[in-house]
Amino acid sequence: METRKPLFIYDCDGTLQAPTMFTWALTKKLGLTNLSFQEYKLQKKANQNAMLPGMADLVRYTATLGNNVLLSGGNIQADGCPELYDLKPYF
């Protein structure tokens, strides 16, 4: 019998990435950064969106277990953050 791998479906906006101000505030609240908003934005090379804390690691991990699918209502190159675009091989 064939072993089946699980399918992990991610929604781009609100699950993997969010507005940069929100992700910075959450990261700061969790104690993961001491950077100012401008420094954070430069470090992440973020435009209007940035990855939520921990989501890049989760995507990489689930790719080792099965298949990842990304749902997005827009163009990942134009609307996505650079970190999300860098994860393209995992989907």
Protein backbone atom coordinates (compact mmCIF):
# COMPACT_ATOMS: atom_id res chain seq x y z
CA MET A 1 0.00 0.00 0.00
CA GLU A 2 1.23 3.47 -0.90
CA THR A 3 2.16 5.81 1.94
CA ARG A 4 0.53 9.19 1.53
CA LYS A 5 2.10 12.43 2.65
CA PRO A 6 -0.01 15.09 4.35
CA LEU A 7 -1.02 18.28 2.55
CA PHE A 8 -0.48 21.61 4.34
CA ILE A 9 -2.44 24.54 2.96
CA TYR A 10 -1.35 28.05 3.89
CA ASP A 11 -3.21 31.29 3.32
CA CYS A 12 -0.80 34.04 2.40
CA ASP A 13 -2.36 37.13 3.98
CA GLY A 14 -2.98 36.99 7.71
CA THR A 15 -1.46 33.53 8.14
CA LEU A 16 2.07 33.76 6.75
CA GLN A 17 2.42 37.49 6.30
CA ALA A 18 0.71 40.62 7.59
CA PRO A 19 1.20 44.38 7.42
CA THR A 20 4.75 45.25 8.47
CA MET A 21 3.62 47.45 11.37
CA PHE A 22 1.60 44.54 12.79
CA THR A 23 4.42 42.01 12.45
CA TRP A 24 6.89 44.44 14.06
CA ALA A 25 4.50 45.09 16.97
CA LEU A 26 3.91 41.36 17.49
CA THR A 27 7.63 40.59 17.28
CA LYS A 28 8.33 43.36 19.81
CA LYS A 29 5.57 42.14 22.15
CA LEU A 30 7.00 38.62 22.06
CA GLY A 31 10.42 40.03 22.97
CA LEU A 32 12.01 38.86 19.73
CA THR A 33 13.38 42.27 18.71
CA ASN A 34 14.63 45.53 20.16
CA LEU A 35 14.70 47.23 16.77
CA SER A 36 12.77 50.39 16.00
CA PHE A 37 10.09 50.08 13.34
CA GLN A 38 12.34 51.64 10.69
CA GLU A 39 15.26 49.34 11.59
CA TYR A 40 12.94 46.32 11.50
CA LYS A 41 11.57 47.35 8.13
CA LEU A 42 15.09 47.73 6.71
CA GLN A 43 16.25 44.40 8.18
CA LYS A 44 13.27 42.54 6.71
CA LYS A 45 13.53 44.45 3.42
CA ALA A 46 9.79 44.84 3.93
CA ASN A 47 7.47 46.98 1.90
CA GLN A 48 3.90 46.81 3.13
CA ASN A 49 4.01 43.19 4.34
CA ALA A 50 6.37 41.05 6.44
CA MET A 51 6.37 37.44 7.65
CA LEU A 52 4.74 36.70 10.97
CA PRO A 53 7.16 35.40 13.62
CA GLY A 54 7.87 31.69 13.30
CA MET A 55 5.96 31.10 10.08
CA ALA A 56 9.04 30.68 7.86
CA ASP A 57 10.32 27.94 10.17
CA LEU A 58 6.91 26.27 10.15
CA VAL A 59 6.78 26.25 6.34
CA ARG A 60 10.25 24.71 6.13
CA TYR A 61 9.31 22.07 8.73
CA THR A 62 6.01 21.05 7.12
CA ALA A 63 7.79 20.71 3.77
CA THR A 64 9.84 17.90 5.32
CA LEU A 65 6.63 16.10 6.34
CA GLY A 66 4.52 16.49 3.25
CA ASN A 67 3.41 18.93 0.59
CA ASN A 68 2.82 22.65 1.10
CA VAL A 69 0.33 24.67 -0.92
CA LEU A 70 0.12 28.48 -0.80
CA LEU A 71 -3.19 30.23 -1.41
CA SER A 72 -2.84 33.85 -2.42
CA GLY A 73 -5.22 36.34 -3.92
CA GLY A 74 -2.39 38.34 -5.44
CA ASN A 75 0.99 38.14 -7.07
CA ILE A 76 3.58 36.84 -4.60
CA GLN A 77 6.33 38.85 -6.32
CA ALA A 78 4.41 42.12 -6.20
CA ASP A 79 2.30 41.72 -3.05
CA GLY A 80 4.37 39.32 -0.98
CA CYS A 81 7.25 40.12 1.32
CA PRO A 82 10.79 39.09 0.33
CA GLU A 83 10.88 36.39 3.04
CA LEU A 84 7.75 34.78 1.63
CA TYR A 85 9.12 34.92 -1.91
CA ASP A 86 12.32 33.22 -0.67
CA LEU A 87 10.16 30.31 0.57
CA LYS A 88 8.84 29.65 -2.93
CA PRO A 89 10.76 26.33 -3.28
CA TYR A 90 8.87 24.94 -0.25
CA PHE A 91 5.48 25.23 -2.01
